[in-house]
PDB file of N, CA and C in Angstrom:
ATOM      1  N   UNK A   1       5.873 -35.974  -4.368  1.00  0.00           N
ATOM      2  CA  UNK A   1       4.519 -36.149  -5.234  1.00  0.00           C
ATOM      3  C   UNK A   1       3.781 -34.817  -4.827  1.00  0.00           C
ATOM      4  N   UNK A   2       3.496 -34.268  -5.900  1.00  0.00           N
ATOM      5  CA  UNK A   2       2.569 -32.741  -5.799  1.00  0.00           C
ATOM      6  C   UNK A   2       1.191 -33.469  -5.342  1.00  0.00           C
ATOM      7  N   UNK A   3       0.637 -32.325  -4.836  1.00  0.00           N
ATOM      8  CA  UNK A   3      -0.789 -32.288  -4.069  1.00  0.00           C
ATOM      9  C   UNK A   3      -2.016 -32.888  -5.017  1.00  0.00           C
ATOM     10  N   UNK A   4      -1.821 -32.572  -6.157  1.00  0.00           N
ATOM     11  CA  UNK A   4      -2.880 -32.633  -7.233  1.00  0.00           C
ATOM     12  C   UNK A   4      -2.842 -33.925  -8.049  1.00  0.00           C
ATOM     13  N   UNK A   5      -1.516 -34.685  -7.788  1.00  0.00           N
ATOM     14  CA  UNK A   5      -1.311 -35.910  -8.321  1.00  0.00           C
ATOM     15  C   UNK A   5      -2.143 -37.229  -7.780  1.00  0.00           C
ATOM     16  N   UNK A   6      -2.839 -37.008  -6.666  1.00  0.00           N
ATOM     17  CA  UNK A   6      -3.812 -38.232  -6.393  1.00  0.00           C
ATOM     18  C   UNK A   6      -4.819 -37.528  -5.594  1.00  0.00           C
ATOM     19  N   UNK A   7      -5.872 -37.799  -5.397  1.00  0.00           N
ATOM     20  CA  UNK A   7      -7.126 -37.415  -4.735  1.00  0.00           C
ATOM     21  C   UNK A   7      -6.790 -37.780  -3.135  1.00  0.00           C
ATOM     22  N   UNK A   8      -7.609 -36.785  -2.426  1.00  0.00           N
ATOM     23  CA  UNK A   8      -7.390 -37.266  -0.878  1.00  0.00           C
ATOM     24  C   UNK A   8      -7.973 -38.559  -0.869  1.00  0.00           C
ATOM     25  N   UNK A   9      -9.213 -38.828  -1.123  1.00  0.00           N
ATOM     26  CA  UNK A   9      -9.850 -40.243  -1.042  1.00  0.00           C
ATOM     27  C   UNK A   9      -8.792 -41.560  -1.425  1.00  0.00           C
ATOM     28  N   UNK A  10      -8.615 -41.293  -2.577  1.00  0.00           N
ATOM     29  CA  UNK A  10      -7.523 -42.312  -3.514  1.00  0.00           C
ATOM     30  C   UNK A  10      -6.314 -42.515  -2.490  1.00  0.00           C
ATOM     31  N   UNK A  11      -5.836 -41.363  -1.885  1.00  0.00           N
ATOM     32  CA  UNK A  11      -4.695 -41.643  -1.058  1.00  0.00           C
ATOM     33  C   UNK A  11      -4.707 -42.226   0.158  1.00  0.00           C
ATOM     34  N   UNK A  12      -5.960 -41.925   0.845  1.00  0.00           N
ATOM     35  CA  UNK A  12      -6.470 -42.535   1.803  1.00  0.00           C
ATOM     36  C   UNK A  12      -6.661 -43.876   1.999  1.00  0.00           C
ATOM     37  N   UNK A  13      -7.253 -44.507   0.677  1.00  0.00           N
ATOM     38  CA  UNK A  13      -7.224 -45.739   0.533  1.00  0.00           C
ATOM     39  C   UNK A  13      -6.102 -46.893  -0.317  1.00  0.00           C
ATOM     40  N   UNK A  14      -4.851 -45.915  -0.096  1.00  0.00           N
ATOM     41  CA  UNK A  14      -3.631 -46.905  -0.583  1.00  0.00           C
ATOM     42  C   UNK A  14      -3.381 -48.183   0.304  1.00  0.00           C
ATOM     43  N   UNK A  15      -2.946 -49.059   0.052  1.00  0.00           N
ATOM     44  CA  UNK A  15      -2.651 -50.298   0.877  1.00  0.00           C
ATOM     45  C   UNK A  15      -1.039 -50.200   1.151  1.00  0.00           C
ATOM     46  N   UNK A  16      -0.843 -51.092   1.677  1.00  0.00           N
ATOM     47  CA  UNK A  16       0.575 -51.301   1.871  1.00  0.00           C
ATOM     48  C   UNK A  16       1.313 -51.622   0.973  1.00  0.00           C
ATOM     49  N   UNK A  17       2.754 -51.377   0.277  1.00  0.00           N
ATOM     50  CA  UNK A  17       3.253 -51.555  -0.740  1.00  0.00           C
ATOM     51  C   UNK A  17       4.781 -51.379  -0.644  1.00  0.00           C
ATOM     52  N   UNK A  18       5.438 -51.851  -1.878  1.00  0.00           N
ATOM     53  CA  UNK A  18       6.903 -51.734  -1.902  1.00  0.00           C
ATOM     54  C   UNK A  18       7.206 -50.692  -3.119  1.00  0.00           C
ATOM     55  N   UNK A  19       7.981 -49.589  -2.871  1.00  0.00           N
ATOM     56  CA  UNK A  19       8.365 -48.573  -3.916  1.00  0.00           C
ATOM     57  C   UNK A  19       9.738 -48.599  -4.012  1.00  0.00           C
ATOM     58  N   UNK A  20      10.110 -47.924  -5.292  1.00  0.00           N
ATOM     59  CA  UNK A  20      11.586 -47.737  -5.086  1.00  0.00           C
ATOM     60  C   UNK A  20      11.668 -46.316  -4.850  1.00  0.00           C
ATOM     61  N   UNK A  21      13.222 -46.440  -4.213  1.00  0.00           N
ATOM     62  CA  UNK A  21      13.542 -44.992  -3.401  1.00  0.00           C
ATOM     63  C   UNK A  21      13.850 -43.870  -4.634  1.00  0.00           C
ATOM     64  N   UNK A  22      13.661 -42.558  -4.335  1.00  0.00           N
ATOM     65  CA  UNK A  22      14.003 -41.697  -5.376  1.00  0.00           C
ATOM     66  C   UNK A  22      15.832 -41.497  -5.244  1.00  0.00           C
ATOM     67  N   UNK A  23      16.214 -41.114  -6.223  1.00  0.00           N
ATOM     68  CA  UNK A  23      17.710 -40.618  -6.269  1.00  0.00           C
ATOM     69  C   UNK A  23      17.945 -39.703  -5.010  1.00  0.00           C
ATOM     70  N   UNK A  24      17.023 -38.636  -4.754  1.00  0.00           N
ATOM     71  CA  UNK A  24      17.223 -37.734  -3.714  1.00  0.00           C
ATOM     72  C   UNK A  24      17.196 -38.592  -2.274  1.00  0.00           C
ATOM     73  N   UNK A  25      16.329 -39.518  -2.448  1.00  0.00           N
ATOM     74  CA  UNK A  25      16.311 -40.289  -1.013  1.00  0.00           C
ATOM     75  C   UNK A  25      17.511 -41.084  -0.733  1.00  0.00           C
ATOM     76  N   UNK A  26      17.944 -41.857  -1.899  1.00  0.00           N
ATOM     77  CA  UNK A  26      19.286 -42.553  -1.630  1.00  0.00           C
ATOM     78  C   UNK A  26      20.448 -41.756  -1.551  1.00  0.00           C
ATOM     79  N   UNK A  27      20.434 -40.656  -2.078  1.00  0.00           N
ATOM     80  CA  UNK A  27      21.491 -39.784  -1.672  1.00  0.00           C
ATOM     81  C   UNK A  27      21.694 -39.111  -0.343  1.00  0.00           C
ATOM     82  N   UNK A  28      20.434 -38.866   0.359  1.00  0.00           N
ATOM     83  CA  UNK A  28      20.586 -38.392   1.535  1.00  0.00           C
ATOM     84  C   UNK A  28      20.841 -39.034   2.446  1.00  0.00           C
ATOM     85  N   UNK A  29      20.052 -40.764   2.305  1.00  0.00           N
ATOM     86  CA  UNK A  29      20.386 -41.571   3.244  1.00  0.00           C
ATOM     87  C   UNK A  29      21.894 -42.083   3.260  1.00  0.00           C
ATOM     88  N   UNK A  30      22.534 -41.892   2.052  1.00  0.00           N
ATOM     89  CA  UNK A  30      24.123 -42.216   1.849  1.00  0.00           C
ATOM     90  C   UNK A  30      24.773 -41.560   2.798  1.00  0.00           C
ATOM     91  N   UNK A  31      24.182 -40.227   2.874  1.00  0.00           N
ATOM     92  CA  UNK A  31      24.995 -39.240   3.583  1.00  0.00           C
ATOM     93  C   UNK A  31      24.676 -39.037   5.178  1.00  0.00           C
ATOM     94  N   UNK A  32      23.520 -39.325   5.490  1.00  0.00           N
ATOM     95  CA  UNK A  32      23.194 -39.305   6.989  1.00  0.00           C
ATOM     96  C   UNK A  32      23.206 -40.567   7.629  1.00  0.00           C
ATOM     97  N   UNK A  33      22.871 -41.662   7.013  1.00  0.00           N
ATOM     98  CA  UNK A  33      22.938 -43.008   7.687  1.00  0.00           C
ATOM     99  C   UNK A  33      24.087 -43.915   7.242  1.00  0.00           C
ATOM    100  N   UNK A  34      24.382 -43.850   5.940  1.00  0.00           N
ATOM    101  CA  UNK A  34      25.106 -44.900   5.335  1.00  0.00           C
ATOM    102  C   UNK A  34      26.964 -44.420   5.339  1.00  0.00           C
ATOM    103  N   UNK A  35      27.298 -43.515   6.284  1.00  0.00           N
ATOM    104  CA  UNK A  35      28.662 -43.038   6.194  1.00  0.00           C
ATOM    105  C   UNK A  35      29.467 -42.697   4.664  1.00  0.00           C
ATOM    106  N   UNK A  36      28.411 -42.443   3.633  1.00  0.00           N
ATOM    107  CA  UNK A  36      29.075 -42.270   2.344  1.00  0.00           C
ATOM    108  C   UNK A  36      29.089 -43.148   1.342  1.00  0.00           C
ATOM    109  N   UNK A  37      28.453 -44.487   1.667  1.00  0.00           N
ATOM    110  CA  UNK A  37      28.396 -45.711   1.146  1.00  0.00           C
ATOM    111  C   UNK A  37      27.445 -45.977   0.700  1.00  0.00           C
ATOM    112  N   UNK A  38      27.011 -45.513  -0.398  1.00  0.00           N
ATOM    113  CA  UNK A  38      25.729 -45.778  -1.251  1.00  0.00           C
ATOM    114  C   UNK A  38      25.307 -47.338  -1.655  1.00  0.00           C
ATOM    115  N   UNK A  39      26.119 -48.102  -1.016  1.00  0.00           N
ATOM    116  CA  UNK A  39      25.853 -49.492  -1.496  1.00  0.00           C
ATOM    117  C   UNK A  39      25.383 -50.173  -0.297  1.00  0.00           C
ATOM    118  N   UNK A  40      25.085 -49.559   0.840  1.00  0.00           N
ATOM    119  CA  UNK A  40      24.814 -49.821   2.437  1.00  0.00           C
ATOM    120  C   UNK A  40      23.310 -49.410   2.050  1.00  0.00           C
ATOM    121  N   UNK A  41      22.718 -48.542   1.270  1.00  0.00           N
ATOM    122  CA  UNK A  41      21.350 -47.998   1.461  1.00  0.00           C
ATOM    123  C   UNK A  41      20.396 -48.947   0.292  1.00  0.00           C
ATOM    124  N   UNK A  42      19.509 -49.307   0.849  1.00  0.00           N
ATOM    125  CA  UNK A  42      18.572 -50.130  -0.003  1.00  0.00           C
ATOM    126  C   UNK A  42      17.899 -49.277  -1.403  1.00  0.00           C
ATOM    127  N   UNK A  43      17.348 -49.515  -2.408  1.00  0.00           N
ATOM    128  CA  UNK A  43      16.659 -49.043  -3.308  1.00  0.00           C
ATOM    129  C   UNK A  43      15.448 -49.299  -3.307  1.00  0.00           C
ATOM    130  N   UNK A  44      14.726 -50.024  -2.384  1.00  0.00           N
ATOM    131  CA  UNK A  44      13.366 -49.547  -2.364  1.00  0.00           C
ATOM    132  C   UNK A  44      12.892 -49.949  -0.698  1.00  0.00           C
ATOM    133  N   UNK A  45      11.861 -49.620  -0.564  1.00  0.00           N
ATOM    134  CA  UNK A  45      11.343 -49.240   0.756  1.00  0.00           C
ATOM    135  C   UNK A  45       9.604 -50.013   0.875  1.00  0.00           C
ATOM    136  N   UNK A  46       9.499 -50.391   1.982  1.00  0.00           N
ATOM    137  CA  UNK A  46       8.111 -50.952   2.056  1.00  0.00           C
ATOM    138  C   UNK A  46       7.677 -49.911   3.053  1.00  0.00           C
ATOM    139  N   UNK A  47       6.381 -49.385   2.427  1.00  0.00           N
ATOM    140  CA  UNK A  47       5.584 -48.304   2.908  1.00  0.00           C
ATOM    141  C   UNK A  47       3.911 -48.670   3.360  1.00  0.00           C
ATOM    142  N   UNK A  48       3.778 -48.385   4.566  1.00  0.00           N
ATOM    143  CA  UNK A  48       2.190 -48.953   4.928  1.00  0.00           C
ATOM    144  C   UNK A  48       1.404 -47.746   4.621  1.00  0.00           C
ATOM    145  N   UNK A  49       0.287 -48.259   3.747  1.00  0.00           N
ATOM    146  CA  UNK A  49      -0.590 -47.373   3.062  1.00  0.00           C
ATOM    147  C   UNK A  49      -1.500 -46.771   4.194  1.00  0.00           C
ATOM    148  N   UNK A  50      -2.131 -45.578   3.694  1.00  0.00           N
ATOM    149  CA  UNK A  50      -2.973 -44.993   4.830  1.00  0.00           C
ATOM    150  C   UNK A  50      -4.047 -45.989   5.258  1.00  0.00           C
ATOM    151  N   UNK A  51      -4.707 -46.768   4.137  1.00  0.00           N
ATOM    152  CA  UNK A  51      -6.011 -47.805   4.731  1.00  0.00           C
ATOM    153  C   UNK A  51      -5.766 -48.489   5.926  1.00  0.00           C
ATOM    154  N   UNK A  52      -4.434 -49.086   5.986  1.00  0.00           N
ATOM    155  CA  UNK A  52      -4.204 -49.940   7.231  1.00  0.00           C
ATOM    156  C   UNK A  52      -3.784 -49.345   8.171  1.00  0.00           C
ATOM    157  N   UNK A  53      -3.130 -48.233   8.292  1.00  0.00           N
ATOM    158  CA  UNK A  53      -3.204 -47.332   9.218  1.00  0.00           C
ATOM    159  C   UNK A  53      -4.421 -46.750   9.904  1.00  0.00           C
ATOM    160  N   UNK A  54      -5.222 -46.320   8.922  1.00  0.00           N
ATOM    161  CA  UNK A  54      -6.438 -45.792   9.557  1.00  0.00           C
ATOM    162  C   UNK A  54      -7.533 -46.846  10.158  1.00  0.00           C
ATOM    163  N   UNK A  55      -7.272 -48.123   9.609  1.00  0.00           N
ATOM    164  CA  UNK A  55      -7.934 -49.184  10.346  1.00  0.00           C
ATOM    165  C   UNK A  55      -7.486 -49.635  11.605  1.00  0.00           C
ATOM    166  N   UNK A  56      -6.428 -49.276  12.159  1.00  0.00           N
ATOM    167  CA  UNK A  56      -5.650 -49.370  13.202  1.00  0.00           C
ATOM    168  C   UNK A  56      -6.603 -48.914  14.360  1.00  0.00           C
ATOM    169  N   UNK A  57      -6.772 -49.729  15.625  1.00  0.00           N
ATOM    170  CA  UNK A  57      -7.533 -49.310  16.686  1.00  0.00           C
ATOM    171  C   UNK A  57      -7.058 -47.971  17.289  1.00  0.00           C
ATOM    172  N   UNK A  58      -5.834 -48.019  17.419  1.00  0.00           N
ATOM    173  CA  UNK A  58      -5.251 -46.542  17.879  1.00  0.00           C
ATOM    174  C   UNK A  58      -3.948 -46.398  17.135  1.00  0.00           C
ATOM    175  N   UNK A  59      -3.622 -45.012  17.098  1.00  0.00           N
ATOM    176  CA  UNK A  59      -2.660 -44.371  16.317  1.00  0.00           C
ATOM    177  C   UNK A  59      -1.802 -43.652  17.151  1.00  0.00           C
ATOM    178  N   UNK A  60      -0.539 -43.830  17.183  1.00  0.00           N
ATOM    179  CA  UNK A  60       0.626 -43.016  18.007  1.00  0.00           C
ATOM    180  C   UNK A  60       1.494 -42.431  16.953  1.00  0.00           C
ATOM    181  N   UNK A  61       1.396 -40.900  16.916  1.00  0.00           N
ATOM    182  CA  UNK A  61       2.535 -40.609  15.938  1.00  0.00           C
ATOM    183  C   UNK A  61       3.672 -39.792  16.971  1.00  0.00           C
ATOM    184  N   UNK A  62       5.044 -40.311  16.688  1.00  0.00           N
ATOM    185  CA  UNK A  62       5.997 -39.509  17.354  1.00  0.00           C
ATOM    186  C   UNK A  62       6.789 -38.713  16.464  1.00  0.00           C
ATOM    187  N   UNK A  63       7.078 -37.612  17.189  1.00  0.00           N
ATOM    188  CA  UNK A  63       7.692 -36.699  16.354  1.00  0.00           C
ATOM    189  C   UNK A  63       8.975 -36.494  17.316  1.00  0.00           C
ATOM    190  N   UNK A  64      10.195 -36.407  16.738  1.00  0.00           N
ATOM    191  CA  UNK A  64      11.368 -36.167  17.629  1.00  0.00           C
ATOM    192  C   UNK A  64      12.458 -35.451  16.828  1.00  0.00           C
ATOM    193  N   UNK A  65      12.282 -34.810  15.461  1.00  0.00           N
ATOM    194  CA  UNK A  65      13.300 -34.132  15.058  1.00  0.00           C
ATOM    195  C   UNK A  65      12.747 -32.618  14.699  1.00  0.00           C
ATOM    196  N   UNK A  66      13.976 -31.524  14.853  1.00  0.00           N
ATOM    197  CA  UNK A  66      13.181 -30.188  14.605  1.00  0.00           C
ATOM    198  C   UNK A  66      12.749 -30.173  13.048  1.00  0.00           C
ATOM    199  N   UNK A  67      13.189 -31.000  12.281  1.00  0.00           N
ATOM    200  CA  UNK A  67      12.616 -30.891  10.835  1.00  0.00           C
ATOM    201  C   UNK A  67      11.012 -31.217  10.920  1.00  0.00           C
ATOM    202  N   UNK A  68      10.608 -31.956  11.685  1.00  0.00           N
ATOM    203  CA  UNK A  68       9.280 -32.197  11.821  1.00  0.00           C
ATOM    204  C   UNK A  68       8.355 -30.975  12.193  1.00  0.00           C
ATOM    205  N   UNK A  69       8.886 -30.204  12.739  1.00  0.00           N
ATOM    206  CA  UNK A  69       8.074 -28.891  13.054  1.00  0.00           C
ATOM    207  C   UNK A  69       7.259 -28.444  11.732  1.00  0.00           C
ATOM    208  N   UNK A  70       7.966 -28.258  11.009  1.00  0.00           N
ATOM    209  CA  UNK A  70       7.208 -27.271   9.964  1.00  0.00           C
ATOM    210  C   UNK A  70       5.992 -28.336   9.218  1.00  0.00           C
ATOM    211  N   UNK A  71       6.177 -29.326   9.138  1.00  0.00           N
ATOM    212  CA  UNK A  71       5.304 -30.189   8.533  1.00  0.00           C
ATOM    213  C   UNK A  71       3.995 -30.513   9.776  1.00  0.00           C
ATOM    214  N   UNK A  72       4.186 -30.701  10.599  1.00  0.00           N
ATOM    215  CA  UNK A  72       3.281 -30.749  11.962  1.00  0.00           C
ATOM    216  C   UNK A  72       2.424 -29.365  11.899  1.00  0.00           C
ATOM    217  N   UNK A  73       3.381 -28.302  11.974  1.00  0.00           N
ATOM    218  CA  UNK A  73       2.467 -27.073  11.806  1.00  0.00           C
ATOM    219  C   UNK A  73       1.618 -26.956  10.770  1.00  0.00           C
ATOM    220  N   UNK A  74       2.108 -27.292   9.757  1.00  0.00           N
ATOM    221  CA  UNK A  74       1.217 -27.088   8.384  1.00  0.00           C
ATOM    222  C   UNK A  74      -0.100 -28.183   8.757  1.00  0.00           C
ATOM    223  N   UNK A  75       0.247 -29.237   9.066  1.00  0.00           N
ATOM    224  CA  UNK A  75      -1.254 -30.092   9.406  1.00  0.00           C
ATOM    225  C   UNK A  75      -2.136 -29.310  10.315  1.00  0.00           C
ATOM    226  N   UNK A  76      -1.554 -28.465  11.449  1.00  0.00           N
ATOM    227  CA  UNK A  76      -2.431 -27.748  12.137  1.00  0.00           C
ATOM    228  C   UNK A  76      -2.898 -26.586  11.435  1.00  0.00           C
ATOM    229  N   UNK A  77      -2.243 -25.977  10.652  1.00  0.00           N
ATOM    230  CA  UNK A  77      -2.702 -24.716   9.735  1.00  0.00           C
ATOM    231  C   UNK A  77      -4.168 -25.061   8.768  1.00  0.00           C
ATOM    232  N   UNK A  78      -3.941 -26.288   8.512  1.00  0.00           N
ATOM    233  CA  UNK A  78      -4.986 -27.052   7.469  1.00  0.00           C
ATOM    234  C   UNK A  78      -6.148 -27.216   8.065  1.00  0.00           C
ATOM    235  N   UNK A  79      -6.353 -27.042   9.483  1.00  0.00           N
ATOM    236  CA  UNK A  79      -7.644 -27.481  10.435  1.00  0.00           C
ATOM    237  C   UNK A  79      -8.044 -28.653  10.021  1.00  0.00           C
ATOM    238  N   UNK A  80      -7.363 -29.724   9.925  1.00  0.00           N
ATOM    239  CA  UNK A  80      -7.905 -31.106   9.939  1.00  0.00           C
ATOM    240  C   UNK A  80      -8.336 -31.443   8.720  1.00  0.00           C
ATOM    241  N   UNK A  81      -7.759 -30.659   7.678  1.00  0.00           N
ATOM    242  CA  UNK A  81      -8.353 -31.266   6.443  1.00  0.00           C
ATOM    243  C   UNK A  81      -7.031 -32.155   5.909  1.00  0.00           C
ATOM    244  N   UNK A  82      -7.228 -33.356   5.312  1.00  0.00           N
ATOM    245  CA  UNK A  82      -6.143 -34.454   4.794  1.00  0.00           C
ATOM    246  C   UNK A  82      -5.553 -34.051   3.775  1.00  0.00           C
ATOM    247  N   UNK A  83      -4.452 -34.155   3.206  1.00  0.00           N
ATOM    248  CA  UNK A  83      -3.898 -34.044   2.271  1.00  0.00           C
ATOM    249  C   UNK A  83      -2.687 -35.079   2.098  1.00  0.00           C
ATOM    250  N   UNK A  84      -2.591 -35.608   0.537  1.00  0.00           N
ATOM    251  CA  UNK A  84      -1.550 -36.510   0.502  1.00  0.00           C
ATOM    252  C   UNK A  84      -0.222 -35.652   0.374  1.00  0.00           C
ATOM    253  N   UNK A  85      -0.149 -34.607   0.262  1.00  0.00           N
ATOM    254  CA  UNK A  85       1.293 -33.845   0.259  1.00  0.00           C
ATOM    255  C   UNK A  85       1.645 -33.884   1.855  1.00  0.00           C
ATOM    256  N   UNK A  86       0.904 -33.866   3.044  1.00  0.00           N
ATOM    257  CA  UNK A  86       1.097 -34.093   4.606  1.00  0.00           C
ATOM    258  C   UNK A  86       0.515 -35.486   5.005  1.00  0.00           C
ATOM    259  N   UNK A  87       0.736 -36.530   4.832  1.00  0.00           N
ATOM    260  CA  UNK A  87       0.438 -38.107   5.060  1.00  0.00           C
ATOM    261  C   UNK A  87      -0.149 -38.120   6.193  1.00  0.00           C
ATOM    262  N   UNK A  88       0.564 -37.196   7.312  1.00  0.00           N
ATOM    263  CA  UNK A  88       0.387 -37.465   8.848  1.00  0.00           C
ATOM    264  C   UNK A  88      -1.153 -36.760   9.269  1.00  0.00           C
ATOM    265  N   UNK A  89      -1.571 -35.852   8.044  1.00  0.00           N
ATOM    266  CA  UNK A  89      -2.805 -34.994   8.239  1.00  0.00           C
ATOM    267  C   UNK A  89      -4.198 -36.199   8.304  1.00  0.00           C
ATOM    268  N   UNK A  90      -3.644 -37.303   7.462  1.00  0.00           N
ATOM    269  CA  UNK A  90      -5.058 -38.300   7.741  1.00  0.00           C
ATOM    270  C   UNK A  90      -5.359 -38.441   9.180  1.00  0.00           C
ATOM    271  N   UNK A  91      -4.515 -38.629  10.188  1.00  0.00           N
ATOM    272  CA  UNK A  91      -4.548 -38.921  11.571  1.00  0.00           C
ATOM    273  C   UNK A  91      -5.481 -38.289  11.931  1.00  0.00           C
ATOM    274  N   UNK A  92      -6.068 -36.930  11.573  1.00  0.00           N
ATOM    275  CA  UNK A  92      -7.309 -36.287  12.055  1.00  0.00           C
ATOM    276  C   UNK A  92      -8.448 -36.857  11.734  1.00  0.00           C
ATOM    277  N   UNK A  93      -8.535 -37.581  10.609  1.00  0.00           N
ATOM    278  CA  UNK A  93      -9.646 -38.728  10.594  1.00  0.00           C
ATOM    279  C   UNK A  93      -9.907 -39.897  11.797  1.00  0.00           C
ATOM    280  N   UNK A  94      -8.816 -40.083  12.368  1.00  0.00           N
ATOM    281  CA  UNK A  94      -8.707 -41.286  13.223  1.00  0.00           C
ATOM    282  C   UNK A  94      -9.674 -40.987  14.464  1.00  0.00           C
ATOM    283  N   UNK A  95     -10.287 -41.982  14.896  1.00  0.00           N
ATOM    284  CA  UNK A  95     -11.032 -41.688  16.191  1.00  0.00           C
ATOM    285  C   UNK A  95     -10.301 -42.039  17.494  1.00  0.00           C
ATOM    286  N   UNK A  96      -9.070 -42.420  17.536  1.00  0.00           N
ATOM    287  CA  UNK A  96      -8.167 -42.510  18.681  1.00  0.00           C
ATOM    288  C   UNK A  96      -6.873 -42.422  18.169  1.00  0.00           C
ATOM    289  N   UNK A  97      -6.195 -41.276  18.112  1.00  0.00           N
ATOM    290  CA  UNK A  97      -4.910 -41.133  17.848  1.00  0.00           C
ATOM    291  C   UNK A  97      -4.106 -40.333  18.696  1.00  0.00           C
ATOM    292  N   UNK A  98      -3.087 -40.411  19.100  1.00  0.00           N
ATOM    293  CA  UNK A  98      -2.277 -39.265  19.688  1.00  0.00           C
ATOM    294  C   UNK A  98      -0.785 -38.940  19.202  1.00  0.00           C
ATOM    295  N   UNK A  99      -0.463 -37.674  19.340  1.00  0.00           N
ATOM    296  CA  UNK A  99       0.558 -37.012  18.705  1.00  0.00           C
ATOM    297  C   UNK A  99       1.408 -36.679  19.771  1.00  0.00           C
ATOM    298  N   UNK A 100       2.839 -37.132  19.923  1.00  0.00           N
ATOM    299  CA  UNK A 100       3.779 -36.712  20.629  1.00  0.00           C
ATOM    300  C   UNK A 100       5.203 -36.127  20.099  1.00  0.00           C
ATOM    301  N   UNK A 101       5.064 -34.979  20.334  1.00  0.00           N
ATOM    302  CA  UNK A 101       6.394 -34.045  19.660  1.00  0.00           C
ATOM    303  C   UNK A 101       7.419 -34.057  21.041  1.00  0.00           C
ATOM    304  N   UNK A 102       8.522 -34.365  20.956  1.00  0.00           N
ATOM    305  CA  UNK A 102       9.245 -34.644  22.295  1.00  0.00           C
ATOM    306  C   UNK A 102      10.044 -33.117  22.365  1.00  0.00           C
ATOM    307  N   UNK A 103       9.735 -32.315  21.740  1.00  0.00           N
ATOM    308  CA  UNK A 103      10.775 -30.811  22.312  1.00  0.00           C
ATOM    309  C   UNK A 103       9.590 -30.077  23.074  1.00  0.00           C
ATOM    310  N   UNK A 104       8.796 -30.593  23.135  1.00  0.00           N
ATOM    311  CA  UNK A 104       7.556 -29.787  23.992  1.00  0.00           C
ATOM    312  C   UNK A 104       6.895 -28.519  23.098  1.00  0.00           C
ATOM    313  N   UNK A 105       7.323 -28.321  21.719  1.00  0.00           N
ATOM    314  CA  UNK A 105       6.751 -27.382  21.197  1.00  0.00           C
ATOM    315  C   UNK A 105       5.287 -27.871  20.555  1.00  0.00           C
ATOM    316  N   UNK A 106       4.901 -29.193  20.330  1.00  0.00           N
ATOM    317  CA  UNK A 106       3.746 -29.376  19.947  1.00  0.00           C
ATOM    318  C   UNK A 106       2.986 -30.654  20.827  1.00  0.00           C
ATOM    319  N   UNK A 107       1.880 -30.706  21.661  1.00  0.00           N
ATOM    320  CA  UNK A 107       1.490 -31.790  22.475  1.00  0.00           C
ATOM    321  C   UNK A 107      -0.104 -31.998  22.044  1.00  0.00           C
ATOM    322  N   UNK A 108      -0.570 -32.503  21.233  1.00  0.00           N
ATOM    323  CA  UNK A 108      -1.736 -32.748  21.011  1.00  0.00           C
ATOM    324  C   UNK A 108      -2.305 -34.067  21.058  1.00  0.00           C
ATOM    325  N   UNK A 109      -3.715 -34.189  21.905  1.00  0.00           N
ATOM    326  CA  UNK A 109      -4.228 -35.547  21.757  1.00  0.00           C
ATOM    327  C   UNK A 109      -5.391 -35.455  21.747  1.00  0.00           C
ATOM    328  N   UNK A 110      -5.897 -36.210  20.820  1.00  0.00           N
ATOM    329  CA  UNK A 110      -7.329 -36.495  20.206  1.00  0.00           C
ATOM    330  C   UNK A 110      -8.266 -36.944  21.330  1.00  0.00           C
ATOM    331  N   UNK A 111      -9.452 -36.771  21.804  1.00  0.00           N
ATOM    332  CA  UNK A 111     -10.328 -37.587  22.638  1.00  0.00           C
ATOM    333  C   UNK A 111     -11.208 -38.345  21.940  1.00  0.00           C
TER     334      UNK A 111
END
């Protein structure tokens, strides 16, 4: 999704929904998690919208893969401004969230 396809407010109000997976996601999941058998990869996924996530009393974001370093760094570089391009950036608006990055490169907690 391009950043300009949906407003910050509209993305933040999205409910939980079921969406079709993109061809690229299916191909990646086939290679990484299905041993090359695309018949084992679902074609749809349930995605929790930002509205129910932000309505939670507490939020915990666990990051444990090196591929998550760049998006998390981009979120911090934005100074807390949410963007649909980086959905986790909306957690900056949450009153009680914690981020744990297991490689000890990033460990931020809100108060």
